Amino acid sequence: MRWRAIDEPQPGPKWAGLFQEFWPDYHQWWIREGPEARPGYLDSVNALKTHMPELLPLYEELCDLAGGADHAARFLSFYCPPPYLSACSQALWPGAEPVLVRNYDYSPHAFDGVVMRTEWLGRTVLGTSDSLWGLVDGINDAGLAMSLTFGGRRVVGEGFGVPLILRYVLQTCETAEEAGAALSRLPTHMSYNVTVVDRYRKFLTAFMAPDRKAVLKHVSVATNHQEKVEWDSHARFTATVERERFLLQRLTLHREPEEKFIGAFLKPPLYSSAFSEGFGTLYTAVYRPRKLEMELRWPGSVWHMPLMAFDERTLAVQVPGF
């Protein structure tokens, strides 16, 4: 599997090239239930105006780079996209320095493998790209870091895909408190758990859902259920309860050195080898808000990426069965 680190301060030819490369596959996914199943252009733009007005100039610029077609513009709004599932684990190291560690468990056949550094809207953001301008985890120049896990519920409703929600928060917020306020009001189309930590080590996890108000908790661990298991078969398949217990035990029984804590994410039960089922661990991400840096890790490999000294490069990672 090929990974790419891309640095483009403002939307331009690099982003347009990514769009041309990924759009055919994203388009097929977006229309799989028929284009009429997705909101129209006006509804999509109005949703952005209502809930994320700060992103509107950037959205319009990206739509222009994408060619201005109706389907592309509706897709890029990421309003009420088709449903999708992932697994994932995330936790905060309980040491003096704030460190957010997460595993992203997903299908390698539906993953971009792109890390993007941008300076959109006057704010530097670095993270793992999804849906061309969304993020599944990331950090900004204020020292705010965040990541997501699927919340383990079947309900689908009206709202945005969570990668765009993460993009919005990292573009507009500087502290965990500000992030919590934004996550409380933004509508999501599925249930997700979003863990946030800032450079002052203030943290929270938002349990977001399309059919009920977001719940903000001062908890530092999230797997694939919210306050209780609501989808039994998914919980059993992903071992969400077992992974949560494993992490809670590591946090409460004794304080581990940072490297040992991170290393646990590269081994079972946190590391998943279910690649053929679409839930293998594609990477482990490490975010250090005070140092403004990100790392991607795989068994036997580390990719260090400082926010302010970022180098474009490519990396080949062996994924079983891919």
C-alpha atoms as a PDB file:
ATOM      1  CA  MET A   1       0.000   0.000   0.000  1.00  0.00           C
ATOM      2  CA  ARG A   2       1.388   3.403  -1.003  1.00  0.00           C
ATOM      3  CA  TRP A   3       1.278   6.342   1.392  1.00  0.00           C
ATOM      4  CA  ARG A   4       1.863   9.923   0.316  1.00  0.00           C
ATOM      5  CA  ALA A   5       2.641  13.021   2.353  1.00  0.00           C
ATOM      6  CA  ILE A   6       1.468  16.136   0.512  1.00  0.00           C
ATOM      7  CA  ASP A   7       2.160  19.765   1.394  1.00  0.00           C
ATOM      8  CA  GLU A   8       0.087  22.377  -0.427  1.00  0.00           C
ATOM      9  CA  PRO A   9      -0.615  25.509   1.617  1.00  0.00           C
ATOM     10  CA  GLN A  10      -3.539  26.672  -0.550  1.00  0.00           C
ATOM     11  CA  PRO A  11      -5.821  24.601  -2.803  1.00  0.00           C
ATOM     12  CA  GLY A  12      -4.077  24.132  -6.118  1.00  0.00           C
ATOM     13  CA  PRO A  13      -2.788  21.594  -8.647  1.00  0.00           C
ATOM     14  CA  LYS A  14      -1.820  18.966  -6.062  1.00  0.00           C
ATOM     15  CA  TRP A  15      -5.329  18.874  -4.618  1.00  0.00           C
ATOM     16  CA  ALA A  16      -6.850  18.945  -8.108  1.00  0.00           C
ATOM     17  CA  GLY A  17      -4.653  15.989  -9.047  1.00  0.00           C
ATOM     18  CA  LEU A  18      -5.855  14.033  -6.035  1.00  0.00           C
ATOM     19  CA  PHE A  19      -9.434  14.793  -6.975  1.00  0.00           C
ATOM     20  CA  GLN A  20      -8.950  13.510 -10.515  1.00  0.00           C
ATOM     21  CA  GLU A  21      -7.265  10.372  -9.178  1.00  0.00           C
ATOM     22  CA  PHE A  22      -9.812   9.474  -6.503  1.00  0.00           C
ATOM     23  CA  TRP A  23     -13.040  10.905  -7.903  1.00  0.00           C
ATOM     24  CA  PRO A  24     -14.056   7.882 -10.050  1.00  0.00           C
ATOM     25  CA  ASP A  25     -14.046   5.579  -7.015  1.00  0.00           C
ATOM     26  CA  TYR A  26     -15.602   8.129  -4.698  1.00  0.00           C
ATOM     27  CA  HIS A  27     -18.269   8.873  -7.296  1.00  0.00           C
ATOM     28  CA  GLN A  28     -19.221   5.202  -7.596  1.00  0.00           C
ATOM     29  CA  TRP A  29     -19.498   4.988  -3.824  1.00  0.00           C
ATOM     30  CA  TRP A  30     -21.514   8.210  -3.606  1.00  0.00           C
ATOM     31  CA  ILE A  31     -24.096   7.124  -6.243  1.00  0.00           C
ATOM     32  CA  ARG A  32     -24.358   3.491  -5.163  1.00  0.00           C
ATOM     33  CA  GLU A  33     -27.938   4.092  -3.947  1.00  0.00           C
ATOM     34  CA  GLY A  34     -28.623   6.428  -6.873  1.00  0.00           C
ATOM     35  CA  PRO A  35     -27.844  10.176  -6.978  1.00  0.00           C
ATOM     36  CA  GLU A  36     -31.418  10.963  -5.978  1.00  0.00           C
ATOM     37  CA  ALA A  37     -30.709   9.358  -2.592  1.00  0.00           C
ATOM     38  CA  ARG A  38     -28.264  12.157  -1.824  1.00  0.00           C
ATOM     39  CA  PRO A  39     -29.292  15.762  -1.038  1.00  0.00           C
ATOM     40  CA  GLY A  40     -29.395  18.247  -3.895  1.00  0.00           C
ATOM     41  CA  TYR A  41     -26.858  20.995  -4.394  1.00  0.00           C
ATOM     42  CA  LEU A  42     -28.925  23.773  -2.770  1.00  0.00           C
ATOM     43  CA  ASP A  43     -29.721  21.660   0.278  1.00  0.00           C
ATOM     44  CA  SER A  44     -26.040  20.753   0.610  1.00  0.00           C
ATOM     45  CA  VAL A  45     -24.823  24.342   0.346  1.00  0.00           C
ATOM     46  CA  ASN A  46     -27.497  25.593   2.711  1.00  0.00           C
ATOM     47  CA  ALA A  47     -26.440  22.978   5.274  1.00  0.00           C
ATOM     48  CA  LEU A  48     -22.869  24.235   5.062  1.00  0.00           C
ATOM     49  CA  LYS A  49     -24.041  27.853   5.360  1.00  0.00           C
ATOM     50  CA  THR A  50     -26.079  26.987   8.428  1.00  0.00           C
ATOM     51  CA  HIS A  51     -23.611  24.831  10.332  1.00  0.00           C
ATOM     52  CA  MET A  52     -20.115  25.543   8.953  1.00  0.00           C
ATOM     53  CA  PRO A  53     -20.236  28.978   7.310  1.00  0.00           C
ATOM     54  CA  GLU A  54     -16.494  29.496   7.845  1.00  0.00           C
ATOM     55  CA  LEU A  55     -15.796  26.676   5.368  1.00  0.00           C
ATOM     56  CA  LEU A  56     -17.981  28.034   2.573  1.00  0.00           C
ATOM     57  CA  PRO A  57     -15.266  30.034   0.702  1.00  0.00           C
ATOM     58  CA  LEU A  58     -12.945  27.034   0.872  1.00  0.00           C
ATOM     59  CA  TYR A  59     -15.699  24.688  -0.298  1.00  0.00           C
ATOM     60  CA  GLU A  60     -16.444  26.898  -3.303  1.00  0.00           C
ATOM     61  CA  GLU A  61     -12.754  27.036  -4.199  1.00  0.00           C
ATOM     62  CA  LEU A  62     -12.474  23.246  -4.053  1.00  0.00           C
ATOM     63  CA  CYS A  63     -15.617  22.840  -6.161  1.00  0.00           C
ATOM     64  CA  ASP A  64     -14.054  25.059  -8.818  1.00  0.00           C
ATOM     65  CA  LEU A  65     -10.844  22.985  -8.778  1.00  0.00           C
ATOM     66  CA  ALA A  66     -12.980  19.856  -9.111  1.00  0.00           C
ATOM     67  CA  GLY A  67     -14.588  21.193 -12.271  1.00  0.00           C
ATOM     68  CA  GLY A  68     -17.838  22.541 -10.839  1.00  0.00           C
ATOM     69  CA  ALA A  69     -19.988  19.505 -11.716  1.00  0.00           C
ATOM     70  CA  ASP A  70     -23.171  18.936  -9.728  1.00  0.00           C
ATOM     71  CA  HIS A  71     -22.261  15.498  -8.350  1.00  0.00           C
ATOM     72  CA  ALA A  72     -18.789  16.615  -7.315  1.00  0.00           C
ATOM     73  CA  ALA A  73     -20.153  19.677  -5.510  1.00  0.00           C
ATOM     74  CA  ARG A  74     -22.747  17.624  -3.674  1.00  0.00           C
ATOM     75  CA  PHE A  75     -20.154  15.033  -2.718  1.00  0.00           C
ATOM     76  CA  LEU A  76     -17.691  17.648  -1.448  1.00  0.00           C
ATOM     77  CA  SER A  77     -20.341  19.092   0.888  1.00  0.00           C
ATOM     78  CA  PHE A  78     -20.245  15.685   2.606  1.00  0.00           C
ATOM     79  CA  TYR A  79     -23.834  16.286   3.658  1.00  0.00           C
ATOM     80  CA  CYS A  80     -25.766  13.040   4.197  1.00  0.00           C
ATOM     81  CA  PRO A  81     -23.248  10.760   2.444  1.00  0.00           C
ATOM     82  CA  PRO A  82     -23.801   7.004   2.124  1.00  0.00           C
ATOM     83  CA  PRO A  83     -23.288   5.105   5.393  1.00  0.00           C
ATOM     84  CA  TYR A  84     -19.916   3.508   6.107  1.00  0.00           C
ATOM     85  CA  LEU A  85     -18.356   1.583   8.992  1.00  0.00           C
ATOM     86  CA  SER A  86     -14.931   1.422  10.590  1.00  0.00           C
ATOM     87  CA  ALA A  87     -13.532   0.037  13.829  1.00  0.00           C
ATOM     88  CA  CYS A  88     -10.616   1.906  15.555  1.00  0.00           C
ATOM     89  CA  SER A  89      -9.290   2.463  19.078  1.00  0.00           C
ATOM     90  CA  GLN A  90      -7.982   5.689  20.607  1.00  0.00           C
ATOM     91  CA  ALA A  91      -6.613   6.766  23.975  1.00  0.00           C
ATOM     92  CA  LEU A  92      -4.568   9.449  25.720  1.00  0.00           C
ATOM     93  CA  TRP A  93      -1.270   8.522  27.328  1.00  0.00           C
ATOM     94  CA  PRO A  94      -1.538   9.445  31.029  1.00  0.00           C
ATOM     95  CA  GLY A  95       1.921  11.000  31.254  1.00  0.00           C
ATOM     96  CA  ALA A  96       2.910  14.625  31.728  1.00  0.00           C
ATOM     97  CA  GLU A  97       2.942  15.420  28.002  1.00  0.00           C
ATOM     98  CA  PRO A  98      -0.371  15.210  26.128  1.00  0.00           C
ATOM     99  CA  VAL A  99      -0.128  12.329  23.617  1.00  0.00           C
ATOM    100  CA  LEU A 100      -3.086  10.991  21.589  1.00  0.00           C
ATOM    101  CA  VAL A 101      -2.677   7.499  20.122  1.00  0.00           C
ATOM    102  CA  ARG A 102      -5.115   5.854  17.756  1.00  0.00           C
ATOM    103  CA  ASN A 103      -5.493   2.813  15.512  1.00  0.00           C
ATOM    104  CA  TYR A 104      -7.465   3.205  12.294  1.00  0.00           C
ATOM    105  CA  ASP A 105      -9.116  -0.073  11.311  1.00  0.00           C
ATOM    106  CA  TYR A 106     -10.632   0.035   7.844  1.00  0.00           C
ATOM    107  CA  SER A 107     -10.480  -1.513   4.387  1.00  0.00           C
ATOM    108  CA  PRO A 108      -7.261  -0.790   2.452  1.00  0.00           C
ATOM    109  CA  HIS A 109      -9.354  -0.864  -0.731  1.00  0.00           C
ATOM    110  CA  ALA A 110     -11.380   2.178   0.395  1.00  0.00           C
ATOM    111  CA  PHE A 111      -8.611   4.306   1.862  1.00  0.00           C
ATOM    112  CA  ASP A 112      -6.677   7.205   0.333  1.00  0.00           C
ATOM    113  CA  GLY A 113      -3.320   6.648   2.040  1.00  0.00           C
ATOM    114  CA  VAL A 114      -2.707  10.408   2.032  1.00  0.00           C
ATOM    115  CA  VAL A 115      -1.380  12.698   4.762  1.00  0.00           C
ATOM    116  CA  MET A 116      -2.054  16.355   3.981  1.00  0.00           C
ATOM    117  CA  ARG A 117      -0.543  19.535   5.371  1.00  0.00           C
ATOM    118  CA  THR A 118      -2.537  22.643   4.501  1.00  0.00           C
ATOM    119  CA  GLU A 119      -2.734  26.298   5.487  1.00  0.00           C
ATOM    120  CA  TRP A 120      -6.337  26.794   4.473  1.00  0.00           C
ATOM    121  CA  LEU A 121      -8.214  29.770   5.920  1.00  0.00           C
ATOM    122  CA  GLY A 122      -5.041  30.951   7.649  1.00  0.00           C
ATOM    123  CA  ARG A 123      -4.623  27.893   9.878  1.00  0.00           C
ATOM    124  CA  THR A 124      -2.030  25.131   9.463  1.00  0.00           C
ATOM    125  CA  VAL A 125      -3.527  21.648   9.735  1.00  0.00           C
ATOM    126  CA  LEU A 126      -1.877  18.249   9.334  1.00  0.00           C
ATOM    127  CA  GLY A 127      -3.731  14.945   9.281  1.00  0.00           C
ATOM    128  CA  THR A 128      -4.836  11.749   7.603  1.00  0.00           C
ATOM    129  CA  SER A 129      -7.029  12.617   4.644  1.00  0.00           C
ATOM    130  CA  ASP A 130     -10.442  11.190   3.822  1.00  0.00           C
ATOM    131  CA  SER A 131     -12.916  12.200   1.117  1.00  0.00           C
ATOM    132  CA  LEU A 132     -10.365  14.641  -0.344  1.00  0.00           C
ATOM    133  CA  TRP A 133     -10.721  17.377   2.258  1.00  0.00           C
ATOM    134  CA  GLY A 134     -11.979  15.613   5.353  1.00  0.00           C
ATOM    135  CA  LEU A 135      -9.774  14.091   8.063  1.00  0.00           C
ATOM    136  CA  VAL A 136     -10.016  10.981  10.234  1.00  0.00           C
ATOM    137  CA  ASP A 137      -7.387  12.367  12.619  1.00  0.00           C
ATOM    138  CA  GLY A 138      -5.259  15.493  12.707  1.00  0.00           C
ATOM    139  CA  ILE A 139      -3.590  18.370  14.527  1.00  0.00           C
ATOM    140  CA  ASN A 140      -3.516  22.140  14.018  1.00  0.00           C
ATOM    141  CA  ASP A 141      -1.019  24.907  14.734  1.00  0.00           C
ATOM    142  CA  ALA A 142      -2.761  25.788  18.008  1.00  0.00           C
ATOM    143  CA  GLY A 143      -1.841  22.364  19.379  1.00  0.00           C
ATOM    144  CA  LEU A 144      -5.331  20.851  19.111  1.00  0.00           C
ATOM    145  CA  ALA A 145      -5.364  17.153  18.123  1.00  0.00           C
ATOM    146  CA  MET A 146      -8.308  14.845  17.518  1.00  0.00           C
ATOM    147  CA  SER A 147      -9.326  11.474  16.111  1.00  0.00           C
ATOM    148  CA  LEU A 148     -12.489   9.470  15.562  1.00  0.00           C
ATOM    149  CA  THR A 149     -13.915   6.007  16.041  1.00  0.00           C
ATOM    150  CA  PHE A 150     -17.219   4.578  14.800  1.00  0.00           C
ATOM    151  CA  GLY A 151     -19.849   4.698  17.543  1.00  0.00           C
ATOM    152  CA  GLY A 152     -21.355   1.257  17.005  1.00  0.00           C
ATOM    153  CA  ARG A 153     -24.936   2.200  16.126  1.00  0.00           C
ATOM    154  CA  ARG A 154     -27.039   1.424  13.026  1.00  0.00           C
ATOM    155  CA  VAL A 155     -28.950   4.722  12.958  1.00  0.00           C
ATOM    156  CA  VAL A 156     -28.389   6.941   9.907  1.00  0.00           C
ATOM    157  CA  GLY A 157     -29.819  10.456   9.820  1.00  0.00           C
ATOM    158  CA  GLU A 158     -29.397  13.953   8.448  1.00  0.00           C
ATOM    159  CA  GLY A 159     -25.993  15.439   9.028  1.00  0.00           C
ATOM    160  CA  PHE A 160     -22.414  15.605   7.803  1.00  0.00           C
ATOM    161  CA  GLY A 161     -19.871  12.876   7.344  1.00  0.00           C
ATOM    162  CA  VAL A 162     -17.587  12.997  10.376  1.00  0.00           C
ATOM    163  CA  PRO A 163     -14.338  13.567   8.395  1.00  0.00           C
ATOM    164  CA  LEU A 164     -15.633  17.004   7.394  1.00  0.00           C
ATOM    165  CA  ILE A 165     -16.615  17.678  11.002  1.00  0.00           C
ATOM    166  CA  LEU A 166     -13.024  17.003  12.080  1.00  0.00           C
ATOM    167  CA  ARG A 167     -11.771  19.321   9.330  1.00  0.00           C
ATOM    168  CA  TYR A 168     -14.107  22.064  10.520  1.00  0.00           C
ATOM    169  CA  VAL A 169     -13.069  21.759  14.164  1.00  0.00           C
ATOM    170  CA  LEU A 170      -9.354  21.822  13.351  1.00  0.00           C
ATOM    171  CA  GLN A 171      -9.846  24.850  11.078  1.00  0.00           C
ATOM    172  CA  THR A 172     -11.855  26.873  13.583  1.00  0.00           C
ATOM    173  CA  CYS A 173     -10.953  25.778  17.138  1.00  0.00           C
ATOM    174  CA  GLU A 174      -7.877  26.112  19.362  1.00  0.00           C
ATOM    175  CA  THR A 175      -8.824  24.387  22.628  1.00  0.00           C
ATOM    176  CA  ALA A 176     -10.638  21.244  23.742  1.00  0.00           C
ATOM    177  CA  GLU A 177     -13.380  23.429  25.206  1.00  0.00           C
ATOM    178  CA  GLU A 178     -13.973  25.168  21.858  1.00  0.00           C
ATOM    179  CA  ALA A 179     -13.897  21.814  20.078  1.00  0.00           C
ATOM    180  CA  GLY A 180     -16.454  20.374  22.486  1.00  0.00           C
ATOM    181  CA  ALA A 181     -18.809  23.296  21.854  1.00  0.00           C
ATOM    182  CA  ALA A 182     -18.535  22.778  18.082  1.00  0.00           C
ATOM    183  CA  LEU A 183     -19.005  19.013  18.296  1.00  0.00           C
ATOM    184  CA  SER A 184     -22.094  19.534  20.451  1.00  0.00           C
ATOM    185  CA  ARG A 185     -23.886  21.547  17.782  1.00  0.00           C
ATOM    186  CA  LEU A 186     -22.758  19.970  14.502  1.00  0.00           C
ATOM    187  CA  PRO A 187     -25.138  17.361  13.029  1.00  0.00           C
ATOM    188  CA  THR A 188     -23.603  14.015  12.069  1.00  0.00           C
ATOM    189  CA  HIS A 189     -25.202  11.435   9.783  1.00  0.00           C
ATOM    190  CA  MET A 190     -23.944   8.481  11.857  1.00  0.00           C
ATOM    191  CA  SER A 191     -22.728   7.808  15.388  1.00  0.00           C
ATOM    192  CA  TYR A 192     -19.079   8.589  16.098  1.00  0.00           C
ATOM    193  CA  ASN A 193     -16.805   9.048  19.073  1.00  0.00           C
ATOM    194  CA  VAL A 194     -14.405  11.962  18.718  1.00  0.00           C
ATOM    195  CA  THR A 195     -11.548  12.344  21.192  1.00  0.00           C
ATOM    196  CA  VAL A 196      -9.929  15.777  21.480  1.00  0.00           C
ATOM    197  CA  VAL A 197      -6.853  16.968  23.388  1.00  0.00           C
ATOM    198  CA  ASP A 198      -5.142  20.358  23.405  1.00  0.00           C
ATOM    199  CA  ARG A 199      -1.654  21.520  24.281  1.00  0.00           C
ATOM    200  CA  TYR A 200      -2.753  22.250  27.863  1.00  0.00           C
ATOM    201  CA  ARG A 201      -3.750  18.567  28.259  1.00  0.00           C
ATOM    202  CA  LYS A 202      -7.428  19.407  28.449  1.00  0.00           C
ATOM    203  CA  PHE A 203      -9.356  16.585  26.804  1.00  0.00           C
ATOM    204  CA  LEU A 204     -12.798  15.152  26.154  1.00  0.00           C
ATOM    205  CA  THR A 205     -14.588  12.558  24.082  1.00  0.00           C
ATOM    206  CA  ALA A 206     -17.769  13.530  22.230  1.00  0.00           C
ATOM    207  CA  PHE A 207     -20.298  10.752  21.668  1.00  0.00           C
ATOM    208  CA  MET A 208     -22.050  12.062  18.552  1.00  0.00           C
ATOM    209  CA  ALA A 209     -25.236  10.654  17.002  1.00  0.00           C
ATOM    210  CA  PRO A 210     -27.788  11.693  14.381  1.00  0.00           C
ATOM    211  CA  ASP A 211     -30.837  11.000  16.558  1.00  0.00           C
ATOM    212  CA  ARG A 212     -29.852  12.455  19.934  1.00  0.00           C
ATOM    213  CA  LYS A 213     -27.758  15.240  21.422  1.00  0.00           C
ATOM    214  CA  ALA A 214     -24.011  14.802  21.580  1.00  0.00           C
ATOM    215  CA  VAL A 215     -22.697  13.777  24.985  1.00  0.00           C
ATOM    216  CA  LEU A 216     -19.359  15.220  26.112  1.00  0.00           C
ATOM    217  CA  LYS A 217     -17.423  13.062  28.567  1.00  0.00           C
ATOM    218  CA  HIS A 218     -14.122  13.606  30.367  1.00  0.00           C
ATOM    219  CA  VAL A 219     -12.895  10.201  29.217  1.00  0.00           C
ATOM    220  CA  SER A 220      -9.621   9.400  27.498  1.00  0.00           C
ATOM    221  CA  VAL A 221     -10.518   6.073  25.819  1.00  0.00           C
ATOM    222  CA  ALA A 222     -12.884   5.334  22.939  1.00  0.00           C
ATOM    223  CA  THR A 223     -13.465   2.199  20.891  1.00  0.00           C
ATOM    224  CA  ASN A 224     -16.617   1.261  18.944  1.00  0.00           C
ATOM    225  CA  HIS A 225     -19.524   1.790  21.282  1.00  0.00           C
ATOM    226  CA  GLN A 226     -20.750   4.776  23.190  1.00  0.00           C
ATOM    227  CA  GLU A 227     -22.038   4.674  26.763  1.00  0.00           C
ATOM    228  CA  LYS A 228     -23.288   1.132  26.216  1.00  0.00           C
ATOM    229  CA  VAL A 229     -23.245  -1.480  23.450  1.00  0.00           C
ATOM    230  CA  GLU A 230     -26.192  -0.979  21.080  1.00  0.00           C
ATOM    231  CA  TRP A 231     -25.194  -3.212  18.149  1.00  0.00           C
ATOM    232  CA  ASP A 232     -24.308  -6.604  19.589  1.00  0.00           C
ATOM    233  CA  SER A 233     -23.038  -8.346  16.453  1.00  0.00           C
ATOM    234  CA  HIS A 234     -20.759  -5.444  15.510  1.00  0.00           C
ATOM    235  CA  ALA A 235     -19.485  -5.265  19.079  1.00  0.00           C
ATOM    236  CA  ARG A 236     -18.633  -8.971  19.077  1.00  0.00           C
ATOM    237  CA  PHE A 237     -16.970  -8.853  15.670  1.00  0.00           C
ATOM    238  CA  THR A 238     -14.812  -5.825  16.485  1.00  0.00           C
ATOM    239  CA  ALA A 239     -14.214  -6.779  20.160  1.00  0.00           C
ATOM    240  CA  THR A 240     -14.986  -3.197  21.143  1.00  0.00           C
ATOM    241  CA  VAL A 241     -15.659  -3.976  24.813  1.00  0.00           C
ATOM    242  CA  GLU A 242     -12.511  -6.070  25.147  1.00  0.00           C
ATOM    243  CA  ARG A 243     -10.363  -3.348  23.568  1.00  0.00           C
ATOM    244  CA  GLU A 244     -11.874  -0.686  25.815  1.00  0.00           C
ATOM    245  CA  ARG A 245     -11.215  -2.798  28.931  1.00  0.00           C
ATOM    246  CA  PHE A 246      -7.653  -3.452  27.811  1.00  0.00           C
ATOM    247  CA  LEU A 247      -6.966   0.263  27.423  1.00  0.00           C
ATOM    248  CA  LEU A 248      -8.672   1.214  30.676  1.00  0.00           C
ATOM    249  CA  GLN A 249      -6.583  -1.337  32.537  1.00  0.00           C
ATOM    250  CA  ARG A 250      -3.385   0.102  31.071  1.00  0.00           C
ATOM    251  CA  LEU A 251      -4.457   3.570  32.133  1.00  0.00           C
ATOM    252  CA  THR A 252      -5.582   2.749  35.655  1.00  0.00           C
ATOM    253  CA  LEU A 253      -3.350  -0.048  36.951  1.00  0.00           C
ATOM    254  CA  HIS A 254       0.012   1.632  36.404  1.00  0.00           C
ATOM    255  CA  ARG A 255       1.593   4.405  34.362  1.00  0.00           C
ATOM    256  CA  GLU A 256       3.601   3.051  31.450  1.00  0.00           C
ATOM    257  CA  PRO A 257       6.429   4.789  29.603  1.00  0.00           C
ATOM    258  CA  GLU A 258       5.192   6.526  26.481  1.00  0.00           C
ATOM    259  CA  GLU A 259       6.866   4.098  24.062  1.00  0.00           C
ATOM    260  CA  LYS A 260       5.429   1.061  25.807  1.00  0.00           C
ATOM    261  CA  PHE A 261       1.951   2.583  25.733  1.00  0.00           C
ATOM    262  CA  ILE A 262       2.237   3.331  22.005  1.00  0.00           C
ATOM    263  CA  GLY A 263       3.673  -0.119  21.337  1.00  0.00           C
ATOM    264  CA  ALA A 264       0.548  -1.765  22.749  1.00  0.00           C
ATOM    265  CA  PHE A 265      -1.410  -0.382  19.777  1.00  0.00           C
ATOM    266  CA  LEU A 266       0.776  -2.423  17.412  1.00  0.00           C
ATOM    267  CA  LYS A 267      -0.154  -5.733  19.033  1.00  0.00           C
ATOM    268  CA  PRO A 268      -3.398  -7.621  19.715  1.00  0.00           C
ATOM    269  CA  PRO A 269      -5.974  -6.998  21.043  1.00  0.00           C
ATOM    270  CA  LEU A 270      -5.711  -3.395  19.753  1.00  0.00           C
ATOM    271  CA  TYR A 271      -3.984  -4.255  16.475  1.00  0.00           C
ATOM    272  CA  SER A 272      -6.408  -6.000  14.107  1.00  0.00           C
ATOM    273  CA  SER A 273      -5.405  -8.362  11.312  1.00  0.00           C
ATOM    274  CA  ALA A 274      -8.963  -8.590   9.890  1.00  0.00           C
ATOM    275  CA  PHE A 275      -7.906  -7.048   6.569  1.00  0.00           C
ATOM    276  CA  SER A 276      -9.990  -9.434   4.459  1.00  0.00           C
ATOM    277  CA  GLU A 277     -13.118  -8.348   6.379  1.00  0.00           C
ATOM    278  CA  GLY A 278     -12.304  -4.657   5.919  1.00  0.00           C
ATOM    279  CA  PHE A 279     -11.347  -3.982   9.540  1.00  0.00           C
ATOM    280  CA  GLY A 280      -7.569  -4.417   9.636  1.00  0.00           C
ATOM    281  CA  THR A 281      -5.375  -1.834  11.343  1.00  0.00           C
ATOM    282  CA  LEU A 282      -4.089   0.349   8.508  1.00  0.00           C
ATOM    283  CA  TYR A 283      -1.926   2.498  10.775  1.00  0.00           C
ATOM    284  CA  THR A 284      -1.292   3.734  14.286  1.00  0.00           C
ATOM    285  CA  ALA A 285      -1.214   7.531  14.626  1.00  0.00           C
ATOM    286  CA  VAL A 286       0.548   9.395  17.441  1.00  0.00           C
ATOM    287  CA  TYR A 287      -0.150  13.097  18.054  1.00  0.00           C
ATOM    288  CA  ARG A 288       1.894  15.297  20.391  1.00  0.00           C
ATOM    289  CA  PRO A 289       0.077  18.659  20.730  1.00  0.00           C
ATOM    290  CA  ARG A 290       2.826  20.556  22.556  1.00  0.00           C
ATOM    291  CA  LYS A 291       5.459  19.494  20.054  1.00  0.00           C
ATOM    292  CA  LEU A 292       3.099  20.058  17.097  1.00  0.00           C
ATOM    293  CA  GLU A 293       3.958  16.720  15.540  1.00  0.00           C
ATOM    294  CA  MET A 294       2.379  13.602  14.142  1.00  0.00           C
ATOM    295  CA  GLU A 295       3.703  10.086  13.688  1.00  0.00           C
ATOM    296  CA  LEU A 296       2.384   7.156  11.714  1.00  0.00           C
ATOM    297  CA  ARG A 297       3.489   3.725  12.844  1.00  0.00           C
ATOM    298  CA  TRP A 298       3.323   0.184  11.585  1.00  0.00           C
ATOM    299  CA  PRO A 299       4.999  -2.932  12.977  1.00  0.00           C
ATOM    300  CA  GLY A 300       8.692  -2.217  12.469  1.00  0.00           C
ATOM    301  CA  SER A 301       8.253   1.234  10.911  1.00  0.00           C
ATOM    302  CA  VAL A 302       7.842   4.853  12.117  1.00  0.00           C
ATOM    303  CA  TRP A 303       7.077   7.920   9.975  1.00  0.00           C
ATOM    304  CA  HIS A 304       7.756  11.165  11.864  1.00  0.00           C
ATOM    305  CA  MET A 305       6.018  14.328  10.587  1.00  0.00           C
ATOM    306  CA  PRO A 306       6.516  17.680  12.358  1.00  0.00           C
ATOM    307  CA  LEU A 307       3.823  20.202  11.530  1.00  0.00           C
ATOM    308  CA  MET A 308       6.293  23.035  10.933  1.00  0.00           C
ATOM    309  CA  ALA A 309       9.090  21.043   9.250  1.00  0.00           C
ATOM    310  CA  PHE A 310       7.044  18.815   6.976  1.00  0.00           C
ATOM    311  CA  ASP A 311       8.618  16.912   4.088  1.00  0.00           C
ATOM    312  CA  GLU A 312       6.693  15.552   1.129  1.00  0.00           C
ATOM    313  CA  ARG A 313       7.512  11.917   0.502  1.00  0.00           C
ATOM    314  CA  THR A 314       6.042   8.524  -0.297  1.00  0.00           C
ATOM    315  CA  LEU A 315       6.181   5.319   1.683  1.00  0.00           C
ATOM    316  CA  ALA A 316       5.309   1.737   0.784  1.00  0.00           C
ATOM    317  CA  VAL A 317       3.649  -0.227   3.594  1.00  0.00           C
ATOM    318  CA  GLN A 318       2.933  -3.935   3.356  1.00  0.00           C
ATOM    319  CA  VAL A 319      -0.726  -4.700   4.081  1.00  0.00           C
ATOM    320  CA  PRO A 320      -1.691  -8.405   4.182  1.00  0.00           C
ATOM    321  CA  GLY A 321      -3.846  -9.367   1.215  1.00  0.00           C
ATOM    322  CA  PHE A 322      -3.568  -5.950  -0.475  1.00  0.00           C
END
